[in-house]
PDB file of N, CA and C in Angstrom:
ATOM      1  N   UNK A   1      -0.871  19.122 -20.591  1.00  0.00           N
ATOM      2  CA  UNK A   1      -2.144  18.438 -20.679  1.00  0.00           C
ATOM      3  C   UNK A   1      -2.205  17.349 -19.616  1.00  0.00           C
ATOM      4  N   UNK A   2      -3.396  17.116 -19.107  1.00  0.00           N
ATOM      5  CA  UNK A   2      -3.573  16.147 -18.036  1.00  0.00           C
ATOM      6  C   UNK A   2      -4.150  14.829 -18.546  1.00  0.00           C
ATOM      7  N   UNK A   3      -3.958  14.500 -19.772  1.00  0.00           N
ATOM      8  CA  UNK A   3      -4.528  13.280 -20.307  1.00  0.00           C
ATOM      9  C   UNK A   3      -4.013  12.062 -19.534  1.00  0.00           C
ATOM     10  N   UNK A   4      -4.930  11.203 -19.129  1.00  0.00           N
ATOM     11  CA  UNK A   4      -4.634   9.951 -18.431  1.00  0.00           C
ATOM     12  C   UNK A   4      -3.901  10.168 -17.117  1.00  0.00           C
ATOM     13  N   UNK A   5      -4.128  11.291 -16.474  1.00  0.00           N
ATOM     14  CA  UNK A   5      -3.502  11.595 -15.187  1.00  0.00           C
ATOM     15  C   UNK A   5      -4.580  11.697 -14.114  1.00  0.00           C
ATOM     16  N   UNK A   6      -5.539  10.867 -14.191  1.00  0.00           N
ATOM     17  CA  UNK A   6      -6.701  10.987 -13.335  1.00  0.00           C
ATOM     18  C   UNK A   6      -6.530  10.167 -12.063  1.00  0.00           C
ATOM     19  N   UNK A   7      -5.682  10.615 -11.202  1.00  0.00           N
ATOM     20  CA  UNK A   7      -5.475   9.941  -9.928  1.00  0.00           C
ATOM     21  C   UNK A   7      -6.008  10.813  -8.813  1.00  0.00           C
ATOM     22  N   UNK A   8      -6.373  10.168  -7.721  1.00  0.00           N
ATOM     23  CA  UNK A   8      -7.009  10.879  -6.632  1.00  0.00           C
ATOM     24  C   UNK A   8      -6.080  11.815  -5.887  1.00  0.00           C
ATOM     25  N   UNK A   9      -6.560  13.015  -5.632  1.00  0.00           N
ATOM     26  CA  UNK A   9      -5.821  13.968  -4.820  1.00  0.00           C
ATOM     27  C   UNK A   9      -6.279  13.898  -3.373  1.00  0.00           C
ATOM     28  N   UNK A  10      -7.385  13.224  -3.132  1.00  0.00           N
ATOM     29  CA  UNK A  10      -7.901  12.949  -1.802  1.00  0.00           C
ATOM     30  C   UNK A  10      -8.191  14.193  -0.981  1.00  0.00           C
ATOM     31  N   UNK A  11      -8.263  15.339  -1.617  1.00  0.00           N
ATOM     32  CA  UNK A  11      -8.647  16.555  -0.924  1.00  0.00           C
ATOM     33  C   UNK A  11      -7.625  17.107   0.042  1.00  0.00           C
ATOM     34  N   UNK A  12      -6.374  16.745  -0.109  1.00  0.00           N
ATOM     35  CA  UNK A  12      -5.331  17.236   0.793  1.00  0.00           C
ATOM     36  C   UNK A  12      -4.142  17.735  -0.026  1.00  0.00           C
ATOM     37  N   UNK A  13      -3.305  18.597   0.553  1.00  0.00           N
ATOM     38  CA  UNK A  13      -2.112  19.063  -0.160  1.00  0.00           C
ATOM     39  C   UNK A  13      -1.144  17.920  -0.470  1.00  0.00           C
ATOM     40  N   UNK A  14      -0.243  18.170  -1.385  1.00  0.00           N
ATOM     41  CA  UNK A  14       0.658  17.129  -1.872  1.00  0.00           C
ATOM     42  C   UNK A  14       1.482  16.488  -0.762  1.00  0.00           C
ATOM     43  N   UNK A  15       2.091  17.294   0.092  1.00  0.00           N
ATOM     44  CA  UNK A  15       2.943  16.742   1.155  1.00  0.00           C
ATOM     45  C   UNK A  15       2.130  15.889   2.124  1.00  0.00           C
ATOM     46  N   UNK A  16       0.932  16.336   2.452  1.00  0.00           N
ATOM     47  CA  UNK A  16       0.068  15.565   3.341  1.00  0.00           C
ATOM     48  C   UNK A  16      -0.338  14.250   2.692  1.00  0.00           C
ATOM     49  N   UNK A  17      -0.691  14.317   1.401  1.00  0.00           N
ATOM     50  CA  UNK A  17      -1.099  13.107   0.677  1.00  0.00           C
ATOM     51  C   UNK A  17       0.035  12.099   0.610  1.00  0.00           C
ATOM     52  N   UNK A  18       1.235  12.572   0.310  1.00  0.00           N
ATOM     53  CA  UNK A  18       2.392  11.680   0.226  1.00  0.00           C
ATOM     54  C   UNK A  18       2.673  11.011   1.571  1.00  0.00           C
ATOM     55  N   UNK A  19       2.621  11.794   2.646  1.00  0.00           N
ATOM     56  CA  UNK A  19       2.855  11.236   3.982  1.00  0.00           C
ATOM     57  C   UNK A  19       1.762  10.242   4.359  1.00  0.00           C
ATOM     58  N   UNK A  20       0.524  10.561   4.015  1.00  0.00           N
ATOM     59  CA  UNK A  20      -0.592   9.680   4.332  1.00  0.00           C
ATOM     60  C   UNK A  20      -0.458   8.341   3.603  1.00  0.00           C
ATOM     61  N   UNK A  21      -0.080   8.397   2.333  1.00  0.00           N
ATOM     62  CA  UNK A  21       0.069   7.157   1.568  1.00  0.00           C
ATOM     63  C   UNK A  21       1.250   6.340   2.078  1.00  0.00           C
ATOM     64  N   UNK A  22       2.333   7.000   2.476  1.00  0.00           N
ATOM     65  CA  UNK A  22       3.465   6.277   3.068  1.00  0.00           C
ATOM     66  C   UNK A  22       3.040   5.563   4.342  1.00  0.00           C
ATOM     67  N   UNK A  23       2.265   6.253   5.178  1.00  0.00           N
ATOM     68  CA  UNK A  23       1.798   5.638   6.420  1.00  0.00           C
ATOM     69  C   UNK A  23       0.854   4.480   6.146  1.00  0.00           C
ATOM     70  N   UNK A  24      -0.035   4.630   5.171  1.00  0.00           N
ATOM     71  CA  UNK A  24      -0.947   3.544   4.837  1.00  0.00           C
ATOM     72  C   UNK A  24      -0.189   2.310   4.355  1.00  0.00           C
ATOM     73  N   UNK A  25       0.798   2.514   3.478  1.00  0.00           N
ATOM     74  CA  UNK A  25       1.565   1.380   2.957  1.00  0.00           C
ATOM     75  C   UNK A  25       2.395   0.740   4.063  1.00  0.00           C
ATOM     76  N   UNK A  26       2.994   1.559   4.917  1.00  0.00           N
ATOM     77  CA  UNK A  26       3.781   1.024   6.028  1.00  0.00           C
ATOM     78  C   UNK A  26       2.900   0.181   6.944  1.00  0.00           C
ATOM     79  N   UNK A  27       1.721   0.694   7.286  1.00  0.00           N
ATOM     80  CA  UNK A  27       0.822  -0.065   8.152  1.00  0.00           C
ATOM     81  C   UNK A  27       0.298  -1.320   7.468  1.00  0.00           C
ATOM     82  N   UNK A  28       0.095  -1.263   6.160  1.00  0.00           N
ATOM     83  CA  UNK A  28      -0.314  -2.466   5.435  1.00  0.00           C
ATOM     84  C   UNK A  28       0.766  -3.534   5.532  1.00  0.00           C
ATOM     85  N   UNK A  29       2.020  -3.139   5.402  1.00  0.00           N
ATOM     86  CA  UNK A  29       3.106  -4.110   5.487  1.00  0.00           C
ATOM     87  C   UNK A  29       3.293  -4.635   6.912  1.00  0.00           C
ATOM     88  N   UNK A  30       2.961  -3.831   7.908  1.00  0.00           N
ATOM     89  CA  UNK A  30       3.074  -4.287   9.302  1.00  0.00           C
ATOM     90  C   UNK A  30       1.960  -5.272   9.631  1.00  0.00           C
ATOM     91  N   UNK A  31       0.713  -4.852   9.398  1.00  0.00           N
ATOM     92  CA  UNK A  31      -0.449  -5.626   9.845  1.00  0.00           C
ATOM     93  C   UNK A  31      -1.038  -6.524   8.768  1.00  0.00           C
ATOM     94  N   UNK A  32      -0.674  -6.313   7.526  1.00  0.00           N
ATOM     95  CA  UNK A  32      -1.114  -7.080   6.367  1.00  0.00           C
ATOM     96  C   UNK A  32      -2.597  -6.916   6.059  1.00  0.00           C
ATOM     97  N   UNK A  33      -3.288  -6.085   6.829  1.00  0.00           N
ATOM     98  CA  UNK A  33      -4.684  -5.752   6.559  1.00  0.00           C
ATOM     99  C   UNK A  33      -5.003  -4.465   7.295  1.00  0.00           C
ATOM    100  N   UNK A  34      -5.519  -3.462   6.576  1.00  0.00           N
ATOM    101  CA  UNK A  34      -5.881  -2.206   7.204  1.00  0.00           C
ATOM    102  C   UNK A  34      -7.275  -1.803   6.761  1.00  0.00           C
ATOM    103  N   UNK A  35      -7.929  -1.015   7.595  1.00  0.00           N
ATOM    104  CA  UNK A  35      -9.261  -0.511   7.289  1.00  0.00           C
ATOM    105  C   UNK A  35      -9.136   0.969   6.955  1.00  0.00           C
ATOM    106  N   UNK A  36      -9.627   1.365   5.792  1.00  0.00           N
ATOM    107  CA  UNK A  36      -9.535   2.749   5.351  1.00  0.00           C
ATOM    108  C   UNK A  36     -10.669   3.041   4.380  1.00  0.00           C
ATOM    109  N   UNK A  37     -10.717   4.270   3.888  1.00  0.00           N
ATOM    110  CA  UNK A  37     -11.759   4.610   2.915  1.00  0.00           C
ATOM    111  C   UNK A  37     -11.382   4.025   1.550  1.00  0.00           C
ATOM    112  N   UNK A  38     -12.369   3.875   0.713  1.00  0.00           N
ATOM    113  CA  UNK A  38     -12.148   3.266  -0.604  1.00  0.00           C
ATOM    114  C   UNK A  38     -11.178   4.088  -1.466  1.00  0.00           C
ATOM    115  N   UNK A  39     -11.337   5.421  -1.577  1.00  0.00           N
ATOM    116  CA  UNK A  39     -10.374   6.167  -2.401  1.00  0.00           C
ATOM    117  C   UNK A  39      -8.944   6.073  -1.884  1.00  0.00           C
ATOM    118  N   UNK A  40      -8.760   6.116  -0.574  1.00  0.00           N
ATOM    119  CA  UNK A  40      -7.408   5.982  -0.014  1.00  0.00           C
ATOM    120  C   UNK A  40      -6.848   4.590  -0.291  1.00  0.00           C
ATOM    121  N   UNK A  41      -7.683   3.589  -0.203  1.00  0.00           N
ATOM    122  CA  UNK A  41      -7.227   2.219  -0.461  1.00  0.00           C
ATOM    123  C   UNK A  41      -6.791   2.060  -1.913  1.00  0.00           C
ATOM    124  N   UNK A  42      -7.541   2.670  -2.834  1.00  0.00           N
ATOM    125  CA  UNK A  42      -7.188   2.560  -4.246  1.00  0.00           C
ATOM    126  C   UNK A  42      -5.857   3.231  -4.541  1.00  0.00           C
ATOM    127  N   UNK A  43      -5.591   4.355  -3.903  1.00  0.00           N
ATOM    128  CA  UNK A  43      -4.314   5.035  -4.103  1.00  0.00           C
ATOM    129  C   UNK A  43      -3.173   4.275  -3.430  1.00  0.00           C
ATOM    130  N   UNK A  44      -3.400   3.804  -2.205  1.00  0.00           N
ATOM    131  CA  UNK A  44      -2.348   3.106  -1.463  1.00  0.00           C
ATOM    132  C   UNK A  44      -1.985   1.784  -2.133  1.00  0.00           C
ATOM    133  N   UNK A  45      -2.947   1.161  -2.792  1.00  0.00           N
ATOM    134  CA  UNK A  45      -2.687  -0.116  -3.470  1.00  0.00           C
ATOM    135  C   UNK A  45      -1.605   0.030  -4.536  1.00  0.00           C
ATOM    136  N   UNK A  46      -1.609   1.163  -5.255  1.00  0.00           N
ATOM    137  CA  UNK A  46      -0.583   1.386  -6.282  1.00  0.00           C
ATOM    138  C   UNK A  46       0.814   1.326  -5.683  1.00  0.00           C
ATOM    139  N   UNK A  47       0.998   2.009  -4.562  1.00  0.00           N
ATOM    140  CA  UNK A  47       2.325   2.086  -3.962  1.00  0.00           C
ATOM    141  C   UNK A  47       2.699   0.784  -3.253  1.00  0.00           C
ATOM    142  N   UNK A  48       1.733   0.116  -2.658  1.00  0.00           N
ATOM    143  CA  UNK A  48       2.014  -1.155  -1.999  1.00  0.00           C
ATOM    144  C   UNK A  48       2.471  -2.202  -3.013  1.00  0.00           C
ATOM    145  N   UNK A  49       1.811  -2.235  -4.160  1.00  0.00           N
ATOM    146  CA  UNK A  49       2.216  -3.184  -5.199  1.00  0.00           C
ATOM    147  C   UNK A  49       3.620  -2.871  -5.715  1.00  0.00           C
ATOM    148  N   UNK A  50       3.951  -1.588  -5.814  1.00  0.00           N
ATOM    149  CA  UNK A  50       5.304  -1.221  -6.240  1.00  0.00           C
ATOM    150  C   UNK A  50       6.343  -1.667  -5.226  1.00  0.00           C
ATOM    151  N   UNK A  51       6.044  -1.515  -3.944  1.00  0.00           N
ATOM    152  CA  UNK A  51       7.002  -1.907  -2.901  1.00  0.00           C
ATOM    153  C   UNK A  51       7.214  -3.425  -2.915  1.00  0.00           C
ATOM    154  N   UNK A  52       6.153  -4.187  -3.118  1.00  0.00           N
ATOM    155  CA  UNK A  52       6.296  -5.638  -3.156  1.00  0.00           C
ATOM    156  C   UNK A  52       7.082  -6.061  -4.383  1.00  0.00           C
ATOM    157  N   UNK A  53       6.882  -5.378  -5.511  1.00  0.00           N
ATOM    158  CA  UNK A  53       7.669  -5.663  -6.711  1.00  0.00           C
ATOM    159  C   UNK A  53       9.147  -5.376  -6.462  1.00  0.00           C
ATOM    160  N   UNK A  54       9.445  -4.283  -5.766  1.00  0.00           N
ATOM    161  CA  UNK A  54      10.836  -3.999  -5.404  1.00  0.00           C
ATOM    162  C   UNK A  54      11.392  -5.106  -4.507  1.00  0.00           C
ATOM    163  N   UNK A  55      10.571  -5.564  -3.571  1.00  0.00           N
ATOM    164  CA  UNK A  55      11.001  -6.636  -2.674  1.00  0.00           C
ATOM    165  C   UNK A  55      11.289  -7.926  -3.409  1.00  0.00           C
ATOM    166  N   UNK A  56      10.541  -8.188  -4.464  1.00  0.00           N
ATOM    167  CA  UNK A  56      10.777  -9.406  -5.241  1.00  0.00           C
ATOM    168  C   UNK A  56      12.103  -9.364  -5.972  1.00  0.00           C
ATOM    169  N   UNK A  57      12.544  -8.173  -6.409  1.00  0.00           N
ATOM    170  CA  UNK A  57      13.821  -8.101  -7.123  1.00  0.00           C
ATOM    171  C   UNK A  57      14.976  -8.350  -6.170  1.00  0.00           C
ATOM    172  N   UNK A  58      14.863  -7.823  -4.940  1.00  0.00           N
ATOM    173  CA  UNK A  58      15.846  -8.151  -3.917  1.00  0.00           C
ATOM    174  C   UNK A  58      17.207  -7.503  -4.055  1.00  0.00           C
ATOM    175  N   UNK A  59      17.400  -6.576  -4.969  1.00  0.00           N
ATOM    176  CA  UNK A  59      18.710  -5.957  -5.140  1.00  0.00           C
ATOM    177  C   UNK A  59      18.917  -4.851  -4.108  1.00  0.00           C
ATOM    178  N   UNK A  60      20.148  -4.430  -3.965  1.00  0.00           N
ATOM    179  CA  UNK A  60      20.472  -3.353  -3.045  1.00  0.00           C
ATOM    180  C   UNK A  60      19.809  -2.053  -3.475  1.00  0.00           C
ATOM    181  N   UNK A  61      19.790  -1.783  -4.768  1.00  0.00           N
ATOM    182  CA  UNK A  61      19.143  -0.575  -5.272  1.00  0.00           C
ATOM    183  C   UNK A  61      17.642  -0.597  -4.968  1.00  0.00           C
ATOM    184  N   UNK A  62      17.013  -1.747  -5.123  1.00  0.00           N
ATOM    185  CA  UNK A  62      15.590  -1.862  -4.823  1.00  0.00           C
ATOM    186  C   UNK A  62      15.341  -1.659  -3.332  1.00  0.00           C
ATOM    187  N   UNK A  63      16.219  -2.185  -2.502  1.00  0.00           N
ATOM    188  CA  UNK A  63      16.083  -2.012  -1.057  1.00  0.00           C
ATOM    189  C   UNK A  63      16.190  -0.533  -0.684  1.00  0.00           C
ATOM    190  N   UNK A  64      17.095   0.173  -1.333  1.00  0.00           N
ATOM    191  CA  UNK A  64      17.253   1.604  -1.049  1.00  0.00           C
ATOM    192  C   UNK A  64      16.055   2.405  -1.529  1.00  0.00           C
ATOM    193  N   UNK A  65      15.504   2.031  -2.677  1.00  0.00           N
ATOM    194  CA  UNK A  65      14.297   2.705  -3.173  1.00  0.00           C
ATOM    195  C   UNK A  65      13.114   2.469  -2.245  1.00  0.00           C
ATOM    196  N   UNK A  66      12.991   1.255  -1.745  1.00  0.00           N
ATOM    197  CA  UNK A  66      11.916   0.952  -0.799  1.00  0.00           C
ATOM    198  C   UNK A  66      12.122   1.716   0.507  1.00  0.00           C
ATOM    199  N   UNK A  67      13.351   1.804   0.950  1.00  0.00           N
ATOM    200  CA  UNK A  67      13.652   2.520   2.191  1.00  0.00           C
ATOM    201  C   UNK A  67      13.391   4.018   2.048  1.00  0.00           C
ATOM    202  N   UNK A  68      13.539   4.561   0.846  1.00  0.00           N
ATOM    203  CA  UNK A  68      13.244   5.968   0.614  1.00  0.00           C
ATOM    204  C   UNK A  68      11.746   6.233   0.757  1.00  0.00           C
ATOM    205  N   UNK A  69      10.916   5.247   0.477  1.00  0.00           N
ATOM    206  CA  UNK A  69       9.469   5.439   0.590  1.00  0.00           C
ATOM    207  C   UNK A  69       8.956   5.041   1.970  1.00  0.00           C
ATOM    208  N   UNK A  70       9.392   3.898   2.479  1.00  0.00           N
ATOM    209  CA  UNK A  70       8.849   3.362   3.722  1.00  0.00           C
ATOM    210  C   UNK A  70       9.493   4.002   4.955  1.00  0.00           C
ATOM    211  N   UNK A  71      10.792   4.226   4.947  1.00  0.00           N
ATOM    212  CA  UNK A  71      11.541   4.924   5.985  1.00  0.00           C
ATOM    213  C   UNK A  71      11.582   4.214   7.335  1.00  0.00           C
ATOM    214  N   UNK A  72      11.377   2.920   7.368  1.00  0.00           N
ATOM    215  CA  UNK A  72      11.583   2.130   8.580  1.00  0.00           C
ATOM    216  C   UNK A  72      12.331   0.875   8.172  1.00  0.00           C
ATOM    217  N   UNK A  73      13.540   0.745   8.683  1.00  0.00           N
ATOM    218  CA  UNK A  73      14.395  -0.372   8.274  1.00  0.00           C
ATOM    219  C   UNK A  73      13.788  -1.718   8.626  1.00  0.00           C
ATOM    220  N   UNK A  74      13.143  -1.814   9.783  1.00  0.00           N
ATOM    221  CA  UNK A  74      12.578  -3.102  10.181  1.00  0.00           C
ATOM    222  C   UNK A  74      11.447  -3.537   9.243  1.00  0.00           C
ATOM    223  N   UNK A  75      10.668  -2.584   8.756  1.00  0.00           N
ATOM    224  CA  UNK A  75       9.575  -2.928   7.843  1.00  0.00           C
ATOM    225  C   UNK A  75      10.117  -3.268   6.460  1.00  0.00           C
ATOM    226  N   UNK A  76      11.152  -2.567   6.024  1.00  0.00           N
ATOM    227  CA  UNK A  76      11.773  -2.902   4.731  1.00  0.00           C
ATOM    228  C   UNK A  76      12.381  -4.298   4.807  1.00  0.00           C
ATOM    229  N   UNK A  77      12.994  -4.626   5.935  1.00  0.00           N
ATOM    230  CA  UNK A  77      13.551  -5.970   6.119  1.00  0.00           C
ATOM    231  C   UNK A  77      12.434  -7.017   6.046  1.00  0.00           C
ATOM    232  N   UNK A  78      11.303  -6.746   6.719  1.00  0.00           N
ATOM    233  CA  UNK A  78      10.169  -7.670   6.670  1.00  0.00           C
ATOM    234  C   UNK A  78       9.652  -7.815   5.243  1.00  0.00           C
ATOM    235  N   UNK A  79       9.595  -6.697   4.511  1.00  0.00           N
ATOM    236  CA  UNK A  79       9.139  -6.722   3.121  1.00  0.00           C
ATOM    237  C   UNK A  79      10.019  -7.634   2.277  1.00  0.00           C
ATOM    238  N   UNK A  80      11.331  -7.484   2.385  1.00  0.00           N
ATOM    239  CA  UNK A  80      12.250  -8.230   1.529  1.00  0.00           C
ATOM    240  C   UNK A  80      12.421  -9.682   1.975  1.00  0.00           C
ATOM    241  N   UNK A  81      12.339  -9.946   3.285  1.00  0.00           N
ATOM    242  CA  UNK A  81      12.618 -11.289   3.785  1.00  0.00           C
ATOM    243  C   UNK A  81      11.376 -12.154   3.978  1.00  0.00           C
ATOM    244  N   UNK A  82      10.224 -11.542   4.279  1.00  0.00           N
ATOM    245  CA  UNK A  82       9.035 -12.340   4.575  1.00  0.00           C
ATOM    246  C   UNK A  82       7.918 -12.170   3.545  1.00  0.00           C
ATOM    247  N   UNK A  83       7.606 -10.925   3.213  1.00  0.00           N
ATOM    248  CA  UNK A  83       6.425 -10.670   2.370  1.00  0.00           C
ATOM    249  C   UNK A  83       6.695 -10.966   0.901  1.00  0.00           C
ATOM    250  N   UNK A  84       7.765 -10.414   0.349  1.00  0.00           N
ATOM    251  CA  UNK A  84       8.043 -10.584  -1.084  1.00  0.00           C
ATOM    252  C   UNK A  84       8.216 -12.048  -1.501  1.00  0.00           C
ATOM    253  N   UNK A  85       8.891 -12.911  -0.714  1.00  0.00           N
ATOM    254  CA  UNK A  85       8.993 -14.316  -1.130  1.00  0.00           C
ATOM    255  C   UNK A  85       7.648 -15.034  -1.270  1.00  0.00           C
ATOM    256  N   UNK A  86       6.627 -14.579  -0.546  1.00  0.00           N
ATOM    257  CA  UNK A  86       5.294 -15.175  -0.687  1.00  0.00           C
ATOM    258  C   UNK A  86       4.710 -14.960  -2.073  1.00  0.00           C
ATOM    259  N   UNK A  87       5.107 -13.856  -2.718  1.00  0.00           N
ATOM    260  CA  UNK A  87       4.563 -13.499  -4.017  1.00  0.00           C
ATOM    261  C   UNK A  87       5.520 -13.820  -5.159  1.00  0.00           C
ATOM    262  N   UNK A  88       6.437 -14.728  -4.926  1.00  0.00           N
ATOM    263  CA  UNK A  88       7.475 -15.067  -5.902  1.00  0.00           C
ATOM    264  C   UNK A  88       6.888 -15.508  -7.241  1.00  0.00           C
ATOM    265  N   UNK A  89       5.855 -16.310  -7.213  1.00  0.00           N
ATOM    266  CA  UNK A  89       5.265 -16.849  -8.440  1.00  0.00           C
ATOM    267  C   UNK A  89       4.190 -15.936  -9.040  1.00  0.00           C
ATOM    268  N   UNK A  90       3.752 -14.938  -8.304  1.00  0.00           N
ATOM    269  CA  UNK A  90       2.672 -14.059  -8.759  1.00  0.00           C
ATOM    270  C   UNK A  90       3.248 -12.877  -9.526  1.00  0.00           C
ATOM    271  N   UNK A  91       2.626 -12.522 -10.645  1.00  0.00           N
ATOM    272  CA  UNK A  91       3.136 -11.434 -11.479  1.00  0.00           C
ATOM    273  C   UNK A  91       2.543 -10.077 -11.140  1.00  0.00           C
ATOM    274  N   UNK A  92       1.564 -10.018 -10.300  1.00  0.00           N
ATOM    275  CA  UNK A  92       0.936  -8.753  -9.929  1.00  0.00           C
ATOM    276  C   UNK A  92      -0.295  -9.035  -9.103  1.00  0.00           C
ATOM    277  N   UNK A  93      -0.976  -7.990  -8.692  1.00  0.00           N
ATOM    278  CA  UNK A  93      -2.184  -8.168  -7.900  1.00  0.00           C
ATOM    279  C   UNK A  93      -1.879  -8.677  -6.514  1.00  0.00           C
ATOM    280  N   UNK A  94      -0.995  -7.981  -5.814  1.00  0.00           N
ATOM    281  CA  UNK A  94      -0.559  -8.436  -4.502  1.00  0.00           C
ATOM    282  C   UNK A  94      -1.515  -8.017  -3.392  1.00  0.00           C
ATOM    283  N   UNK A  95      -2.412  -7.085  -3.696  1.00  0.00           N
ATOM    284  CA  UNK A  95      -3.348  -6.597  -2.691  1.00  0.00           C
ATOM    285  C   UNK A  95      -4.774  -6.711  -3.211  1.00  0.00           C
ATOM    286  N   UNK A  96      -5.716  -6.702  -2.272  1.00  0.00           N
ATOM    287  CA  UNK A  96      -7.131  -6.698  -2.646  1.00  0.00           C
ATOM    288  C   UNK A  96      -7.865  -5.684  -1.788  1.00  0.00           C
ATOM    289  N   UNK A  97      -8.925  -5.145  -2.339  1.00  0.00           N
ATOM    290  CA  UNK A  97      -9.775  -4.202  -1.630  1.00  0.00           C
ATOM    291  C   UNK A  97     -11.130  -4.865  -1.422  1.00  0.00           C
ATOM    292  N   UNK A  98     -11.545  -4.965  -0.170  1.00  0.00           N
ATOM    293  CA  UNK A  98     -12.834  -5.548   0.175  1.00  0.00           C
ATOM    294  C   UNK A  98     -13.702  -4.423   0.740  1.00  0.00           C
ATOM    295  N   UNK A  99     -14.762  -4.083   0.027  1.00  0.00           N
ATOM    296  CA  UNK A  99     -15.633  -2.997   0.473  1.00  0.00           C
ATOM    297  C   UNK A  99     -16.524  -3.492   1.604  1.00  0.00           C
ATOM    298  N   UNK A 100     -16.652  -2.675   2.652  1.00  0.00           N
ATOM    299  CA  UNK A 100     -17.400  -3.102   3.834  1.00  0.00           C
ATOM    300  C   UNK A 100     -18.557  -2.175   4.186  1.00  0.00           C
ATOM    301  N   UNK A 101     -18.878  -1.233   3.304  1.00  0.00           N
ATOM    302  CA  UNK A 101     -20.025  -0.368   3.542  1.00  0.00           C
ATOM    303  C   UNK A 101     -19.637   0.997   4.084  1.00  0.00           C
ATOM    304  N   UNK A 102     -20.615   1.799   4.432  1.00  0.00           N
ATOM    305  CA  UNK A 102     -20.335   3.168   4.873  1.00  0.00           C
ATOM    306  C   UNK A 102     -19.827   3.224   6.313  1.00  0.00           C
ATOM    307  N   UNK A 103     -19.141   4.322   6.613  1.00  0.00           N
ATOM    308  CA  UNK A 103     -18.712   4.591   7.984  1.00  0.00           C
ATOM    309  C   UNK A 103     -19.929   5.107   8.735  1.00  0.00           C
ATOM    310  N   UNK A 104     -20.270   4.462   9.831  1.00  0.00           N
ATOM    311  CA  UNK A 104     -21.503   4.797  10.531  1.00  0.00           C
ATOM    312  C   UNK A 104     -21.346   5.934  11.526  1.00  0.00           C
ATOM    313  N   UNK A 105     -20.144   6.206  11.981  1.00  0.00           N
ATOM    314  CA  UNK A 105     -19.970   7.156  13.066  1.00  0.00           C
ATOM    315  C   UNK A 105     -20.079   8.614  12.657  1.00  0.00           C
ATOM    316  N   UNK A 106     -19.658   8.978  11.438  1.00  0.00           N
ATOM    317  CA  UNK A 106     -19.629  10.411  11.153  1.00  0.00           C
ATOM    318  C   UNK A 106     -20.124  10.760   9.758  1.00  0.00           C
ATOM    319  N   UNK A 107     -19.316  10.550   8.749  1.00  0.00           N
ATOM    320  CA  UNK A 107     -19.590  11.137   7.445  1.00  0.00           C
ATOM    321  C   UNK A 107     -20.109  10.153   6.402  1.00  0.00           C
ATOM    322  N   UNK A 108     -20.342   8.930   6.763  1.00  0.00           N
ATOM    323  CA  UNK A 108     -20.850   7.895   5.860  1.00  0.00           C
ATOM    324  C   UNK A 108     -19.932   7.662   4.656  1.00  0.00           C
ATOM    325  N   UNK A 109     -18.627   7.839   4.856  1.00  0.00           N
ATOM    326  CA  UNK A 109     -17.661   7.577   3.785  1.00  0.00           C
ATOM    327  C   UNK A 109     -17.617   6.078   3.500  1.00  0.00           C
ATOM    328  N   UNK A 110     -17.467   5.687   2.229  1.00  0.00           N
ATOM    329  CA  UNK A 110     -17.386   4.253   1.915  1.00  0.00           C
ATOM    330  C   UNK A 110     -16.085   3.672   2.458  1.00  0.00           C
ATOM    331  N   UNK A 111     -16.183   2.637   3.275  1.00  0.00           N
ATOM    332  CA  UNK A 111     -15.014   2.037   3.926  1.00  0.00           C
ATOM    333  C   UNK A 111     -14.664   0.710   3.268  1.00  0.00           C
ATOM    334  N   UNK A 112     -13.402   0.315   3.442  1.00  0.00           N
ATOM    335  CA  UNK A 112     -12.947  -0.946   2.856  1.00  0.00           C
ATOM    336  C   UNK A 112     -11.756  -1.464   3.640  1.00  0.00           C
ATOM    337  N   UNK A 113     -11.479  -2.744   3.441  1.00  0.00           N
ATOM    338  CA  UNK A 113     -10.240  -3.338   3.922  1.00  0.00           C
ATOM    339  C   UNK A 113      -9.279  -3.391   2.750  1.00  0.00           C
ATOM    340  N   UNK A 114      -8.049  -3.007   2.999  1.00  0.00           N
ATOM    341  CA  UNK A 114      -6.966  -3.194   2.034  1.00  0.00           C
ATOM    342  C   UNK A 114      -6.076  -4.255   2.638  1.00  0.00           C
ATOM    343  N   UNK A 115      -5.901  -5.382   1.946  1.00  0.00           N
ATOM    344  CA  UNK A 115      -5.124  -6.478   2.510  1.00  0.00           C
ATOM    345  C   UNK A 115      -4.259  -7.132   1.457  1.00  0.00           C
ATOM    346  N   UNK A 116      -3.221  -7.819   1.932  1.00  0.00           N
ATOM    347  CA  UNK A 116      -2.373  -8.604   1.053  1.00  0.00           C
ATOM    348  C   UNK A 116      -3.132  -9.856   0.648  1.00  0.00           C
ATOM    349  N   UNK A 117      -2.995 -10.287  -0.582  1.00  0.00           N
ATOM    350  CA  UNK A 117      -3.750 -11.451  -1.041  1.00  0.00           C
ATOM    351  C   UNK A 117      -3.255 -12.732  -0.390  1.00  0.00           C
ATOM    352  N   UNK A 118      -1.983 -12.803  -0.084  1.00  0.00           N
ATOM    353  CA  UNK A 118      -1.427 -13.990   0.576  1.00  0.00           C
ATOM    354  C   UNK A 118      -0.896 -13.570   1.933  1.00  0.00           C
ATOM    355  N   UNK A 119      -1.760 -13.665   2.933  1.00  0.00           N
ATOM    356  CA  UNK A 119      -1.402 -13.224   4.277  1.00  0.00           C
ATOM    357  C   UNK A 119      -0.776 -14.354   5.056  1.00  0.00           C
ATOM    358  N   UNK A 120       0.020 -13.990   6.057  1.00  0.00           N
ATOM    359  CA  UNK A 120       0.674 -14.988   6.903  1.00  0.00           C
ATOM    360  C   UNK A 120      -0.354 -15.623   7.827  1.00  0.00           C
ATOM    361  N   UNK A 121      -0.198 -16.923   8.050  1.00  0.00           N
ATOM    362  CA  UNK A 121      -1.007 -17.642   9.011  1.00  0.00           C
ATOM    363  C   UNK A 121      -2.394 -17.747   8.639  1.00  0.00           C
TER     364      UNK A 121
END
């Protein structure tokens, strides 16, 4: 039964979706703000919040779990050393989605910014 399993498939196969979400989360951690469609932002937010929670724990096991998802050592290092300490006092809600209207160039997809709530500088 699929009860309470209503998450977006985003119209792509599983492997493509997983790779796309990994890239979105990696770019969010690099730039701290990315522009994407609203459904992609909602899905990527789940994984970004999980990665920041892993970064807050700071254990070796958490670092390895984050590295299994992010797959770039420099970004995992940034997550654990720079980003996660900013959210030390916060219990959740590390990202926000700001809707910015439709995409004007092609398909009029609803666009948004996905950003960290406490950005550097």
